[in-house]
Amino acid sequence: MKVYDTRFFFEHFYSKDKSILEKTKSEIISTKKRFVSAIVIHEIYHLTLQKEGEEVANLRVNLLEKDFKVVDVNSEIAKASAKLRRKYRIPMADSIVAATAQYLKATCVTDDPHIMQIKEIKTSWIM
């Protein structure tokens, strides 16, 4: 079971390196229980709106919602996120992704140094 961070999708959608794309595709195919925080949906939608426009943003997010279970920020995740944010002094979105992984007892797929420093969760990356 894995929770995917925004940086994973940034690499998947925007890397020019074909080996990275193969690794992200392989990661998705090989993982049966795939989750994404609603905050990641926000970040991907926002990023894609800026780079490619609303039509592509809608298509991309619709695919994510189809291929990944979207986890809303409930009060338990929100409180855990606030604790992680305070303890590690990290951005709110990163603390929400980490708290989602903690809540699900899942590995977080990221190379974000903010999330990778959190001792309460396990992280992995595609390299």
Foldseek 3Di string as FASTA:
>chain_A
DEEEALQLVCCCPPPPDVVSVVLSVVVLVVDDAYEYEVLSLVVQLVVCCVVPRNVVNVVVSVVCVVSHPYDYCDPQLVVQLVVLCVVQVDDSSLSSSLSVCLVVVHEYEDPDPSNPPDPSHHYDYSD
